[in-house]
Amino acid sequence: ASRSGEPSQEMMVAAWKKAYDDVAFLPGTGKYGRFSAAAKQEKVAAIREEFNIVRGSMSRDTARAQKLENKINILCGGLQKREELLRKDIQVQHSQLNQSLTELSVFQSLYDQE
C-alpha cells in the first residue's frame, strides 16, 4: 500500500484479474455473474457454453485458413509448375553435359594415343 492508504498498482491489477477470472456468462440466467457463486448446473452450463463458443471460433478459423490455402495454391500453382519444368530441364542438361564431358575425355585419350 502507498503512504496515503491506497493500494498499489500491483495489488489493483491482482484484484482485477482475480475478479475478472471469476466472471462468466451463466446461460441459465442469461447474464454474466460470479462463477464461484453459481450452482453446479450453472457452472457446467457456463463451461459448455464457453466450449461451444471456442469450437465455433475454431471452425471459422479453419474455414478461413482453408480459403487462404486455396488462394495460395491458385497463386503459386503456375510458379510450382514452372519450377518443376525448369528442374527437369536442368537435370536433362546436366546429364547431357556429363555425357559430353565423358565423350570428350574418351576422344582426348584416343587423340593422345595416336
PDB file of N, CA and C in Angstrom:
ATOM      1  N   ALA A   1       0.844  -1.180   0.000  1.00  0.00           N
ATOM      2  CA  ALA A   1       0.000   0.000   0.000  1.00  0.00           C
ATOM      3  C   ALA A   1       0.881   1.231   0.000  1.00  0.00           C
ATOM      4  N   SER A   2       0.382   2.272  -0.621  1.00  0.00           N
ATOM      5  CA  SER A   2       1.140   3.512  -0.657  1.00  0.00           C
ATOM      6  C   SER A   2       0.931   4.282   0.644  1.00  0.00           C
ATOM      7  N   ARG A   3       1.598   5.370   0.795  1.00  0.00           N
ATOM      8  CA  ARG A   3       1.565   6.148   2.035  1.00  0.00           C
ATOM      9  C   ARG A   3       0.181   6.706   2.326  1.00  0.00           C
ATOM     10  N   SER A   4      -0.581   7.001   1.286  1.00  0.00           N
ATOM     11  CA  SER A   4      -1.889   7.612   1.520  1.00  0.00           C
ATOM     12  C   SER A   4      -2.959   6.572   1.830  1.00  0.00           C
ATOM     13  N   GLY A   5      -2.584   5.315   1.972  1.00  0.00           N
ATOM     14  CA  GLY A   5      -3.535   4.268   2.305  1.00  0.00           C
ATOM     15  C   GLY A   5      -4.185   3.626   1.100  1.00  0.00           C
ATOM     16  N   GLU A   6      -3.803   4.075  -0.100  1.00  0.00           N
ATOM     17  CA  GLU A   6      -4.353   3.476  -1.311  1.00  0.00           C
ATOM     18  C   GLU A   6      -3.547   2.234  -1.670  1.00  0.00           C
ATOM     19  N   PRO A   7      -4.196   1.245  -2.257  1.00  0.00           N
ATOM     20  CA  PRO A   7      -3.463   0.035  -2.652  1.00  0.00           C
ATOM     21  C   PRO A   7      -2.522   0.337  -3.817  1.00  0.00           C
ATOM     22  N   SER A   8      -1.459  -0.445  -3.920  1.00  0.00           N
ATOM     23  CA  SER A   8      -0.501  -0.250  -5.005  1.00  0.00           C
ATOM     24  C   SER A   8      -1.112  -0.722  -6.325  1.00  0.00           C
ATOM     25  N   GLN A   9      -0.461  -0.356  -7.389  1.00  0.00           N
ATOM     26  CA  GLN A   9      -0.965  -0.745  -8.708  1.00  0.00           C
ATOM     27  C   GLN A   9      -0.912  -2.259  -8.880  1.00  0.00           C
ATOM     28  N   GLU A  10       0.117  -2.903  -8.343  1.00  0.00           N
ATOM     29  CA  GLU A  10       0.218  -4.360  -8.443  1.00  0.00           C
ATOM     30  C   GLU A  10      -0.944  -5.029  -7.728  1.00  0.00           C
ATOM     31  N   MET A  11      -1.323  -4.486  -6.575  1.00  0.00           N
ATOM     32  CA  MET A  11      -2.449  -5.053  -5.835  1.00  0.00           C
ATOM     33  C   MET A  11      -3.751  -4.850  -6.601  1.00  0.00           C
ATOM     34  N   MET A  12      -3.898  -3.701  -7.243  1.00  0.00           N
ATOM     35  CA  MET A  12      -5.102  -3.422  -8.023  1.00  0.00           C
ATOM     36  C   MET A  12      -5.198  -4.369  -9.215  1.00  0.00           C
ATOM     37  N   VAL A  13      -4.068  -4.576  -9.885  1.00  0.00           N
ATOM     38  CA  VAL A  13      -4.045  -5.474 -11.043  1.00  0.00           C
ATOM     39  C   VAL A  13      -4.383  -6.892 -10.611  1.00  0.00           C
ATOM     40  N   ALA A  14      -3.814  -7.346  -9.491  1.00  0.00           N
ATOM     41  CA  ALA A  14      -4.080  -8.693  -8.990  1.00  0.00           C
ATOM     42  C   ALA A  14      -5.560  -8.846  -8.623  1.00  0.00           C
ATOM     43  N   ALA A  15      -6.120  -7.843  -7.963  1.00  0.00           N
ATOM     44  CA  ALA A  15      -7.530  -7.905  -7.575  1.00  0.00           C
ATOM     45  C   ALA A  15      -8.423  -7.895  -8.813  1.00  0.00           C
ATOM     46  N   TRP A  16      -8.075  -7.064  -9.795  1.00  0.00           N
ATOM     47  CA  TRP A  16      -8.861  -7.015 -11.027  1.00  0.00           C
ATOM     48  C   TRP A  16      -8.826  -8.354 -11.754  1.00  0.00           C
ATOM     49  N   LYS A  17      -7.647  -8.951 -11.852  1.00  0.00           N
ATOM     50  CA  LYS A  17      -7.509 -10.240 -12.531  1.00  0.00           C
ATOM     51  C   LYS A  17      -8.314 -11.318 -11.817  1.00  0.00           C
ATOM     52  N   LYS A  18      -8.254 -11.323 -10.496  1.00  0.00           N
ATOM     53  CA  LYS A  18      -8.997 -12.320  -9.730  1.00  0.00           C
ATOM     54  C   LYS A  18     -10.507 -12.156  -9.952  1.00  0.00           C
ATOM     55  N   ALA A  19     -10.979 -10.922  -9.922  1.00  0.00           N
ATOM     56  CA  ALA A  19     -12.405 -10.664 -10.135  1.00  0.00           C
ATOM     57  C   ALA A  19     -12.800 -10.989 -11.569  1.00  0.00           C
ATOM     58  N   TYR A  20     -11.953 -10.630 -12.529  1.00  0.00           N
ATOM     59  CA  TYR A  20     -12.241 -10.884 -13.939  1.00  0.00           C
ATOM     60  C   TYR A  20     -12.312 -12.382 -14.225  1.00  0.00           C
ATOM     61  N   ASP A  21     -11.387 -13.141 -13.628  1.00  0.00           N
ATOM     62  CA  ASP A  21     -11.364 -14.585 -13.832  1.00  0.00           C
ATOM     63  C   ASP A  21     -12.580 -15.273 -13.232  1.00  0.00           C
ATOM     64  N   ASP A  22     -13.242 -14.636 -12.268  1.00  0.00           N
ATOM     65  CA  ASP A  22     -14.398 -15.238 -11.600  1.00  0.00           C
ATOM     66  C   ASP A  22     -15.708 -14.912 -12.306  1.00  0.00           C
ATOM     67  N   VAL A  23     -15.663 -14.048 -13.324  1.00  0.00           N
ATOM     68  CA  VAL A  23     -16.884 -13.673 -14.036  1.00  0.00           C
ATOM     69  C   VAL A  23     -17.068 -14.604 -15.221  1.00  0.00           C
ATOM     70  N   ALA A  24     -18.288 -15.092 -15.406  1.00  0.00           N
ATOM     71  CA  ALA A  24     -18.607 -15.966 -16.529  1.00  0.00           C
ATOM     72  C   ALA A  24     -20.049 -15.714 -16.954  1.00  0.00           C
ATOM     73  N   PHE A  25     -20.338 -16.038 -18.208  1.00  0.00           N
ATOM     74  CA  PHE A  25     -21.706 -15.951 -18.694  1.00  0.00           C
ATOM     75  C   PHE A  25     -22.450 -17.176 -18.189  1.00  0.00           C
ATOM     76  N   LEU A  26     -23.552 -16.936 -17.489  1.00  0.00           N
ATOM     77  CA  LEU A  26     -24.362 -18.017 -16.946  1.00  0.00           C
ATOM     78  C   LEU A  26     -25.605 -18.166 -17.821  1.00  0.00           C
ATOM     79  N   PRO A  27     -25.631 -19.198 -18.683  1.00  0.00           N
ATOM     80  CA  PRO A  27     -26.727 -19.335 -19.643  1.00  0.00           C
ATOM     81  C   PRO A  27     -28.097 -19.490 -18.983  1.00  0.00           C
ATOM     82  N   GLY A  28     -28.155 -20.054 -17.807  1.00  0.00           N
ATOM     83  CA  GLY A  28     -29.441 -20.236 -17.134  1.00  0.00           C
ATOM     84  C   GLY A  28     -30.125 -18.920 -16.818  1.00  0.00           C
ATOM     85  N   THR A  29     -29.352 -17.939 -16.444  1.00  0.00           N
ATOM     86  CA  THR A  29     -29.916 -16.620 -16.133  1.00  0.00           C
ATOM     87  C   THR A  29     -29.822 -15.675 -17.325  1.00  0.00           C
ATOM     88  N   GLY A  30     -28.960 -16.027 -18.280  1.00  0.00           N
ATOM     89  CA  GLY A  30     -28.768 -15.171 -19.447  1.00  0.00           C
ATOM     90  C   GLY A  30     -27.957 -13.933 -19.127  1.00  0.00           C
ATOM     91  N   LYS A  31     -27.207 -13.974 -18.046  1.00  0.00           N
ATOM     92  CA  LYS A  31     -26.426 -12.816 -17.612  1.00  0.00           C
ATOM     93  C   LYS A  31     -25.028 -13.267 -17.216  1.00  0.00           C
ATOM     94  N   TYR A  32     -24.161 -12.287 -17.060  1.00  0.00           N
ATOM     95  CA  TYR A  32     -22.841 -12.555 -16.515  1.00  0.00           C
ATOM     96  C   TYR A  32     -22.949 -12.524 -14.996  1.00  0.00           C
ATOM     97  N   GLY A  33     -22.191 -13.419 -14.352  1.00  0.00           N
ATOM     98  CA  GLY A  33     -22.218 -13.457 -12.900  1.00  0.00           C
ATOM     99  C   GLY A  33     -20.955 -14.089 -12.355  1.00  0.00           C
ATOM    100  N   ARG A  34     -20.891 -14.183 -11.051  1.00  0.00           N
ATOM    101  CA  ARG A  34     -19.722 -14.774 -10.394  1.00  0.00           C
ATOM    102  C   ARG A  34     -19.785 -16.292 -10.558  1.00  0.00           C
ATOM    103  N   PHE A  35     -18.733 -16.830 -11.146  1.00  0.00           N
ATOM    104  CA  PHE A  35     -18.659 -18.266 -11.397  1.00  0.00           C
ATOM    105  C   PHE A  35     -18.604 -19.040 -10.084  1.00  0.00           C
ATOM    106  N   SER A  36     -17.875 -18.505  -9.105  1.00  0.00           N
ATOM    107  CA  SER A  36     -17.719 -19.216  -7.838  1.00  0.00           C
ATOM    108  C   SER A  36     -19.023 -19.283  -7.049  1.00  0.00           C
ATOM    109  N   ALA A  37     -19.941 -18.359  -7.299  1.00  0.00           N
ATOM    110  CA  ALA A  37     -21.201 -18.348  -6.563  1.00  0.00           C
ATOM    111  C   ALA A  37     -22.307 -19.111  -7.290  1.00  0.00           C
ATOM    112  N   ALA A  38     -22.034 -19.606  -8.481  1.00  0.00           N
ATOM    113  CA  ALA A  38     -23.054 -20.295  -9.266  1.00  0.00           C
ATOM    114  C   ALA A  38     -23.229 -21.734  -8.784  1.00  0.00           C
ATOM    115  N   ALA A  39     -24.420 -22.268  -9.037  1.00  0.00           N
ATOM    116  CA  ALA A  39     -24.690 -23.668  -8.700  1.00  0.00           C
ATOM    117  C   ALA A  39     -23.931 -24.563  -9.671  1.00  0.00           C
ATOM    118  N   LYS A  40     -23.809 -25.838  -9.317  1.00  0.00           N
ATOM    119  CA  LYS A  40     -23.034 -26.781 -10.121  1.00  0.00           C
ATOM    120  C   LYS A  40     -23.588 -26.872 -11.549  1.00  0.00           C
ATOM    121  N   GLN A  41     -24.916 -26.920 -11.685  1.00  0.00           N
ATOM    122  CA  GLN A  41     -25.512 -26.997 -13.023  1.00  0.00           C
ATOM    123  C   GLN A  41     -25.188 -25.744 -13.841  1.00  0.00           C
ATOM    124  N   GLU A  42     -25.208 -24.598 -13.187  1.00  0.00           N
ATOM    125  CA  GLU A  42     -24.870 -23.346 -13.872  1.00  0.00           C
ATOM    126  C   GLU A  42     -23.411 -23.349 -14.313  1.00  0.00           C
ATOM    127  N   LYS A  43     -22.528 -23.875 -13.457  1.00  0.00           N
ATOM    128  CA  LYS A  43     -21.111 -23.942 -13.815  1.00  0.00           C
ATOM    129  C   LYS A  43     -20.914 -24.836 -15.035  1.00  0.00           C
ATOM    130  N   VAL A  44     -21.568 -25.994 -15.041  1.00  0.00           N
ATOM    131  CA  VAL A  44     -21.449 -26.905 -16.170  1.00  0.00           C
ATOM    132  C   VAL A  44     -21.985 -26.248 -17.436  1.00  0.00           C
ATOM    133  N   ALA A  45     -23.135 -25.589 -17.320  1.00  0.00           N
ATOM    134  CA  ALA A  45     -23.723 -24.914 -18.477  1.00  0.00           C
ATOM    135  C   ALA A  45     -22.815 -23.785 -18.970  1.00  0.00           C
ATOM    136  N   ALA A  46     -22.197 -23.063 -18.054  1.00  0.00           N
ATOM    137  CA  ALA A  46     -21.299 -21.965 -18.426  1.00  0.00           C
ATOM    138  C   ALA A  46     -20.071 -22.498 -19.151  1.00  0.00           C
ATOM    139  N   ILE A  47     -19.511 -23.580 -18.640  1.00  0.00           N
ATOM    140  CA  ILE A  47     -18.328 -24.170 -19.278  1.00  0.00           C
ATOM    141  C   ILE A  47     -18.698 -24.726 -20.654  1.00  0.00           C
ATOM    142  N   ARG A  48     -19.858 -25.369 -20.745  1.00  0.00           N
ATOM    143  CA  ARG A  48     -20.308 -25.904 -22.029  1.00  0.00           C
ATOM    144  C   ARG A  48     -20.519 -24.767 -23.041  1.00  0.00           C
ATOM    145  N   GLU A  49     -21.118 -23.681 -22.586  1.00  0.00           N
ATOM    146  CA  GLU A  49     -21.349 -22.528 -23.464  1.00  0.00           C
ATOM    147  C   GLU A  49     -20.018 -21.952 -23.959  1.00  0.00           C
ATOM    148  N   GLU A  50     -19.060 -21.815 -23.061  1.00  0.00           N
ATOM    149  CA  GLU A  50     -17.749 -21.294 -23.450  1.00  0.00           C
ATOM    150  C   GLU A  50     -17.070 -22.243 -24.434  1.00  0.00           C
ATOM    151  N   PHE A  51     -17.210 -23.546 -24.200  1.00  0.00           N
ATOM    152  CA  PHE A  51     -16.653 -24.538 -25.110  1.00  0.00           C
ATOM    153  C   PHE A  51     -17.261 -24.399 -26.501  1.00  0.00           C
ATOM    154  N   ASN A  52     -18.574 -24.231 -26.573  1.00  0.00           N
ATOM    155  CA  ASN A  52     -19.241 -24.087 -27.867  1.00  0.00           C
ATOM    156  C   ASN A  52     -18.790 -22.822 -28.594  1.00  0.00           C
ATOM    157  N   ILE A  53     -18.575 -21.767 -27.847  1.00  0.00           N
ATOM    158  CA  ILE A  53     -18.095 -20.514 -28.448  1.00  0.00           C
ATOM    159  C   ILE A  53     -16.694 -20.717 -29.024  1.00  0.00           C
ATOM    160  N   VAL A  54     -15.828 -21.373 -28.263  1.00  0.00           N
ATOM    161  CA  VAL A  54     -14.458 -21.608 -28.729  1.00  0.00           C
ATOM    162  C   VAL A  54     -14.457 -22.544 -29.936  1.00  0.00           C
ATOM    163  N   ARG A  55     -15.307 -23.576 -29.894  1.00  0.00           N
ATOM    164  CA  ARG A  55     -15.384 -24.516 -31.013  1.00  0.00           C
ATOM    165  C   ARG A  55     -15.875 -23.794 -32.275  1.00  0.00           C
ATOM    166  N   GLY A  56     -16.850 -22.922 -32.135  1.00  0.00           N
ATOM    167  CA  GLY A  56     -17.330 -22.146 -33.280  1.00  0.00           C
ATOM    168  C   GLY A  56     -16.245 -21.251 -33.840  1.00  0.00           C
ATOM    169  N   SER A  57     -15.488 -20.642 -32.952  1.00  0.00           N
ATOM    170  CA  SER A  57     -14.381 -19.789 -33.381  1.00  0.00           C
ATOM    171  C   SER A  57     -13.331 -20.606 -34.132  1.00  0.00           C
ATOM    172  N   MET A  58     -13.044 -21.789 -33.630  1.00  0.00           N
ATOM    173  CA  MET A  58     -12.075 -22.664 -34.291  1.00  0.00           C
ATOM    174  C   MET A  58     -12.580 -23.085 -35.669  1.00  0.00           C
ATOM    175  N   SER A  59     -13.875 -23.359 -35.785  1.00  0.00           N
ATOM    176  CA  SER A  59     -14.455 -23.747 -37.073  1.00  0.00           C
ATOM    177  C   SER A  59     -14.334 -22.607 -38.081  1.00  0.00           C
ATOM    178  N   ARG A  60     -14.614 -21.387 -37.634  1.00  0.00           N
ATOM    179  CA  ARG A  60     -14.482 -20.230 -38.528  1.00  0.00           C
ATOM    180  C   ARG A  60     -13.026 -20.038 -38.952  1.00  0.00           C
ATOM    181  N   ASP A  61     -12.109 -20.187 -37.988  1.00  0.00           N
ATOM    182  CA  ASP A  61     -10.689 -20.034 -38.310  1.00  0.00           C
ATOM    183  C   ASP A  61     -10.227 -21.116 -39.285  1.00  0.00           C
ATOM    184  N   THR A  62     -10.730 -22.336 -39.112  1.00  0.00           N
ATOM    185  CA  THR A  62     -10.371 -23.426 -40.014  1.00  0.00           C
ATOM    186  C   THR A  62     -10.865 -23.139 -41.423  1.00  0.00           C
ATOM    187  N   ALA A  63     -12.097 -22.682 -41.532  1.00  0.00           N
ATOM    188  CA  ALA A  63     -12.648 -22.354 -42.851  1.00  0.00           C
ATOM    189  C   ALA A  63     -11.858 -21.216 -43.493  1.00  0.00           C
ATOM    190  N   ARG A  64     -11.514 -20.224 -42.722  1.00  0.00           N
ATOM    191  CA  ARG A  64     -10.736 -19.094 -43.236  1.00  0.00           C
ATOM    192  C   ARG A  64      -9.353 -19.563 -43.700  1.00  0.00           C
ATOM    193  N   ALA A  65      -8.727 -20.457 -42.922  1.00  0.00           N
ATOM    194  CA  ALA A  65      -7.404 -20.970 -43.287  1.00  0.00           C
ATOM    195  C   ALA A  65      -7.474 -21.794 -44.571  1.00  0.00           C
ATOM    196  N   GLN A  66      -8.519 -22.596 -44.727  1.00  0.00           N
ATOM    197  CA  GLN A  66      -8.670 -23.384 -45.952  1.00  0.00           C
ATOM    198  C   GLN A  66      -8.868 -22.483 -47.163  1.00  0.00           C
ATOM    199  N   LYS A  67      -9.632 -21.420 -46.984  1.00  0.00           N
ATOM    200  CA  LYS A  67      -9.862 -20.475 -48.068  1.00  0.00           C
ATOM    201  C   LYS A  67      -8.546 -19.801 -48.484  1.00  0.00           C
ATOM    202  N   LEU A  68      -7.754 -19.397 -47.493  1.00  0.00           N
ATOM    203  CA  LEU A  68      -6.464 -18.773 -47.788  1.00  0.00           C
ATOM    204  C   LEU A  68      -5.512 -19.770 -48.451  1.00  0.00           C
ATOM    205  N   GLU A  69      -5.540 -21.010 -47.993  1.00  0.00           N
ATOM    206  CA  GLU A  69      -4.679 -22.030 -48.588  1.00  0.00           C
ATOM    207  C   GLU A  69      -5.052 -22.260 -50.053  1.00  0.00           C
ATOM    208  N   ASN A  70      -6.341 -22.266 -50.353  1.00  0.00           N
ATOM    209  CA  ASN A  70      -6.772 -22.417 -51.748  1.00  0.00           C
ATOM    210  C   ASN A  70      -6.297 -21.246 -52.593  1.00  0.00           C
ATOM    211  N   LYS A  71      -6.388 -20.023 -52.060  1.00  0.00           N
ATOM    212  CA  LYS A  71      -5.907 -18.849 -52.794  1.00  0.00           C
ATOM    213  C   LYS A  71      -4.413 -18.951 -53.061  1.00  0.00           C
ATOM    214  N   ILE A  72      -3.663 -19.388 -52.045  1.00  0.00           N
ATOM    215  CA  ILE A  72      -2.212 -19.527 -52.207  1.00  0.00           C
ATOM    216  C   ILE A  72      -1.891 -20.574 -53.256  1.00  0.00           C
ATOM    217  N   ASN A  73      -2.618 -21.687 -53.230  1.00  0.00           N
ATOM    218  CA  ASN A  73      -2.374 -22.733 -54.233  1.00  0.00           C
ATOM    219  C   ASN A  73      -2.663 -22.228 -55.635  1.00  0.00           C
ATOM    220  N   ILE A  74      -3.694 -21.412 -55.782  1.00  0.00           N
ATOM    221  CA  ILE A  74      -4.009 -20.852 -57.102  1.00  0.00           C
ATOM    222  C   ILE A  74      -2.906 -19.888 -57.540  1.00  0.00           C
ATOM    223  N   LEU A  75      -2.487 -19.013 -56.617  1.00  0.00           N
ATOM    224  CA  LEU A  75      -1.465 -18.030 -56.957  1.00  0.00           C
ATOM    225  C   LEU A  75      -0.108 -18.672 -57.236  1.00  0.00           C
ATOM    226  N   CYS A  76       0.220 -19.707 -56.493  1.00  0.00           N
ATOM    227  CA  CYS A  76       1.542 -20.325 -56.611  1.00  0.00           C
ATOM    228  C   CYS A  76       1.559 -21.522 -57.555  1.00  0.00           C
ATOM    229  N   GLY A  77       0.400 -21.954 -58.005  1.00  0.00           N
ATOM    230  CA  GLY A  77       0.337 -23.133 -58.865  1.00  0.00           C
ATOM    231  C   GLY A  77       1.168 -22.988 -60.120  1.00  0.00           C
ATOM    232  N   GLY A  78       1.074 -21.842 -60.790  1.00  0.00           N
ATOM    233  CA  GLY A  78       1.860 -21.605 -62.002  1.00  0.00           C
ATOM    234  C   GLY A  78       3.353 -21.612 -61.721  1.00  0.00           C
ATOM    235  N   LEU A  79       3.742 -21.015 -60.605  1.00  0.00           N
ATOM    236  CA  LEU A  79       5.160 -20.993 -60.246  1.00  0.00           C
ATOM    237  C   LEU A  79       5.672 -22.394 -59.951  1.00  0.00           C
ATOM    238  N   GLN A  80       4.857 -23.203 -59.308  1.00  0.00           N
ATOM    239  CA  GLN A  80       5.275 -24.569 -58.992  1.00  0.00           C
ATOM    240  C   GLN A  80       5.440 -25.393 -60.262  1.00  0.00           C
ATOM    241  N   LYS A  81       4.523 -25.217 -61.224  1.00  0.00           N
ATOM    242  CA  LYS A  81       4.650 -25.943 -62.486  1.00  0.00           C
ATOM    243  C   LYS A  81       5.904 -25.505 -63.239  1.00  0.00           C
ATOM    244  N   ARG A  82       6.144 -24.203 -63.257  1.00  0.00           N
ATOM    245  CA  ARG A  82       7.331 -23.680 -63.943  1.00  0.00           C
ATOM    246  C   ARG A  82       8.602 -24.209 -63.286  1.00  0.00           C
ATOM    247  N   GLU A  83       8.626 -24.232 -61.975  1.00  0.00           N
ATOM    248  CA  GLU A  83       9.800 -24.743 -61.247  1.00  0.00           C
ATOM    249  C   GLU A  83      10.032 -26.209 -61.588  1.00  0.00           C
ATOM    250  N   GLU A  84       8.962 -26.981 -61.664  1.00  0.00           N
ATOM    251  CA  GLU A  84       9.084 -28.404 -61.971  1.00  0.00           C
ATOM    252  C   GLU A  84       9.648 -28.610 -63.383  1.00  0.00           C
ATOM    253  N   LEU A  85       9.137 -27.835 -64.347  1.00  0.00           N
ATOM    254  CA  LEU A  85       9.638 -27.945 -65.720  1.00  0.00           C
ATOM    255  C   LEU A  85      11.098 -27.523 -65.814  1.00  0.00           C
ATOM    256  N   LEU A  86      11.454 -26.432 -65.135  1.00  0.00           N
ATOM    257  CA  LEU A  86      12.842 -25.967 -65.171  1.00  0.00           C
ATOM    258  C   LEU A  86      13.782 -26.972 -64.504  1.00  0.00           C
ATOM    259  N   ARG A  87      13.328 -27.574 -63.410  1.00  0.00           N
ATOM    260  CA  ARG A  87      14.163 -28.563 -62.723  1.00  0.00           C
ATOM    261  C   ARG A  87      14.417 -29.759 -63.632  1.00  0.00           C
ATOM    262  N   LYS A  88      13.375 -30.229 -64.325  1.00  0.00           N
ATOM    263  CA  LYS A  88      13.551 -31.359 -65.241  1.00  0.00           C
ATOM    264  C   LYS A  88      14.495 -30.984 -66.375  1.00  0.00           C
ATOM    265  N   ASP A  89      14.342 -29.777 -66.897  1.00  0.00           N
ATOM    266  CA  ASP A  89      15.208 -29.310 -67.976  1.00  0.00           C
ATOM    267  C   ASP A  89      16.662 -29.243 -67.514  1.00  0.00           C
ATOM    268  N   ILE A  90      16.880 -28.739 -66.320  1.00  0.00           N
ATOM    269  CA  ILE A  90      18.237 -28.645 -65.781  1.00  0.00           C
ATOM    270  C   ILE A  90      18.832 -30.042 -65.600  1.00  0.00           C
ATOM    271  N   GLN A  91      18.029 -30.976 -65.124  1.00  0.00           N
ATOM    272  CA  GLN A  91      18.525 -32.346 -64.935  1.00  0.00           C
ATOM    273  C   GLN A  91      18.924 -32.972 -66.270  1.00  0.00           C
ATOM    274  N   VAL A  92      18.104 -32.744 -67.307  1.00  0.00           N
ATOM    275  CA  VAL A  92      18.413 -33.277 -68.638  1.00  0.00           C
ATOM    276  C   VAL A  92      19.706 -32.647 -69.157  1.00  0.00           C
ATOM    277  N   GLN A  93      19.830 -31.333 -69.028  1.00  0.00           N
ATOM    278  CA  GLN A  93      21.030 -30.655 -69.500  1.00  0.00           C
ATOM    279  C   GLN A  93      22.264 -31.109 -68.722  1.00  0.00           C
ATOM    280  N   HIS A  94      22.103 -31.349 -67.434  1.00  0.00           N
ATOM    281  CA  HIS A  94      23.227 -31.807 -66.613  1.00  0.00           C
ATOM    282  C   HIS A  94      23.687 -33.189 -67.068  1.00  0.00           C
ATOM    283  N   SER A  95      22.751 -34.062 -67.329  1.00  0.00           N
ATOM    284  CA  SER A  95      23.134 -35.406 -67.788  1.00  0.00           C
ATOM    285  C   SER A  95      23.781 -35.333 -69.172  1.00  0.00           C
ATOM    286  N   GLN A  96      23.280 -34.457 -70.052  1.00  0.00           N
ATOM    287  CA  GLN A  96      23.892 -34.287 -71.369  1.00  0.00           C
ATOM    288  C   GLN A  96      25.310 -33.734 -71.243  1.00  0.00           C
ATOM    289  N   LEU A  97      25.508 -32.796 -70.318  1.00  0.00           N
ATOM    290  CA  LEU A  97      26.835 -32.239 -70.099  1.00  0.00           C
ATOM    291  C   LEU A  97      27.791 -33.321 -69.618  1.00  0.00           C
ATOM    292  N   ASN A  98      27.336 -34.128 -68.657  1.00  0.00           N
ATOM    293  CA  ASN A  98      28.194 -35.220 -68.170  1.00  0.00           C
ATOM    294  C   ASN A  98      28.543 -36.194 -69.295  1.00  0.00           C
ATOM    295  N   GLN A  99      27.577 -36.512 -70.134  1.00  0.00           N
ATOM    296  CA  GLN A  99      27.829 -37.419 -71.247  1.00  0.00           C
ATOM    297  C   GLN A  99      28.815 -36.793 -72.226  1.00  0.00           C
ATOM    298  N   SER A 100      28.656 -35.506 -72.508  1.00  0.00           N
ATOM    299  CA  SER A 100      29.567 -34.815 -73.424  1.00  0.00           C
ATOM    300  C   SER A 100      30.978 -34.756 -72.856  1.00  0.00           C
ATOM    301  N   LEU A 101      31.099 -34.527 -71.556  1.00  0.00           N
ATOM    302  CA  LEU A 101      32.426 -34.497 -70.928  1.00  0.00           C
ATOM    303  C   LEU A 101      33.083 -35.864 -70.997  1.00  0.00           C
ATOM    304  N   THR A 102      32.304 -36.902 -70.816  1.00  0.00           N
ATOM    305  CA  THR A 102      32.842 -38.261 -70.909  1.00  0.00           C
ATOM    306  C   THR A 102      33.316 -38.541 -72.328  1.00  0.00           C
ATOM    307  N   GLU A 103      32.513 -38.149 -73.318  1.00  0.00           N
ATOM    308  CA  GLU A 103      32.907 -38.350 -74.713  1.00  0.00           C
ATOM    309  C   GLU A 103      34.166 -37.563 -75.045  1.00  0.00           C
ATOM    310  N   LEU A 104      34.249 -36.329 -74.555  1.00  0.00           N
ATOM    311  CA  LEU A 104      35.438 -35.505 -74.788  1.00  0.00           C
ATOM    312  C   LEU A 104      36.674 -36.170 -74.195  1.00  0.00           C
ATOM    313  N   SER A 105      36.502 -36.686 -72.991  1.00  0.00           N
ATOM    314  CA  SER A 105      37.627 -37.357 -72.336  1.00  0.00           C
ATOM    315  C   SER A 105      38.076 -38.566 -73.142  1.00  0.00           C
ATOM    316  N   VAL A 106      37.149 -39.339 -73.654  1.00  0.00           N
ATOM    317  CA  VAL A 106      37.479 -40.520 -74.459  1.00  0.00           C
ATOM    318  C   VAL A 106      38.196 -40.105 -75.746  1.00  0.00           C
ATOM    319  N   PHE A 107      37.685 -39.089 -76.449  1.00  0.00           N
ATOM    320  CA  PHE A 107      38.305 -38.642 -77.687  1.00  0.00           C
ATOM    321  C   PHE A 107      39.703 -38.065 -77.449  1.00  0.00           C
ATOM    322  N   GLN A 108      39.880 -37.356 -76.306  1.00  0.00           N
ATOM    323  CA  GLN A 108      41.218 -36.838 -75.999  1.00  0.00           C
ATOM    324  C   GLN A 108      42.183 -37.977 -75.731  1.00  0.00           C
ATOM    325  N   SER A 109      41.708 -38.999 -75.068  1.00  0.00           N
ATOM    326  CA  SER A 109      42.581 -40.169 -74.819  1.00  0.00           C
ATOM    327  C   SER A 109      42.969 -40.830 -76.147  1.00  0.00           C
ATOM    328  N   LEU A 110      42.019 -40.976 -77.050  1.00  0.00           N
ATOM    329  CA  LEU A 110      42.303 -41.559 -78.354  1.00  0.00           C
ATOM    330  C   LEU A 110      43.268 -40.688 -79.148  1.00  0.00           C
ATOM    331  N   TYR A 111      43.084 -39.391 -79.088  1.00  0.00           N
ATOM    332  CA  TYR A 111      43.967 -38.451 -79.797  1.00  0.00           C
ATOM    333  C   TYR A 111      45.384 -38.551 -79.267  1.00  0.00           C
ATOM    334  N   ASP A 112      45.507 -38.631 -77.932  1.00  0.00           N
ATOM    335  CA  ASP A 112      46.827 -38.720 -77.322  1.00  0.00           C
ATOM    336  C   ASP A 112      47.511 -40.031 -77.700  1.00  0.00           C
ATOM    337  N   GLN A 113      46.775 -41.087 -77.905  1.00  0.00           N
ATOM    338  CA  GLN A 113      47.364 -42.388 -78.249  1.00  0.00           C
ATOM    339  C   GLN A 113      47.816 -42.415 -79.691  1.00  0.00           C
ATOM    340  N   GLU A 114      47.255 -41.601 -80.536  1.00  0.00           N
ATOM    341  CA  GLU A 114      47.629 -41.616 -81.959  1.00  0.00           C
ATOM    342  C   GLU A 114      48.884 -40.886 -82.255  1.00  0.00           C
TER     343      GLU A 114
END
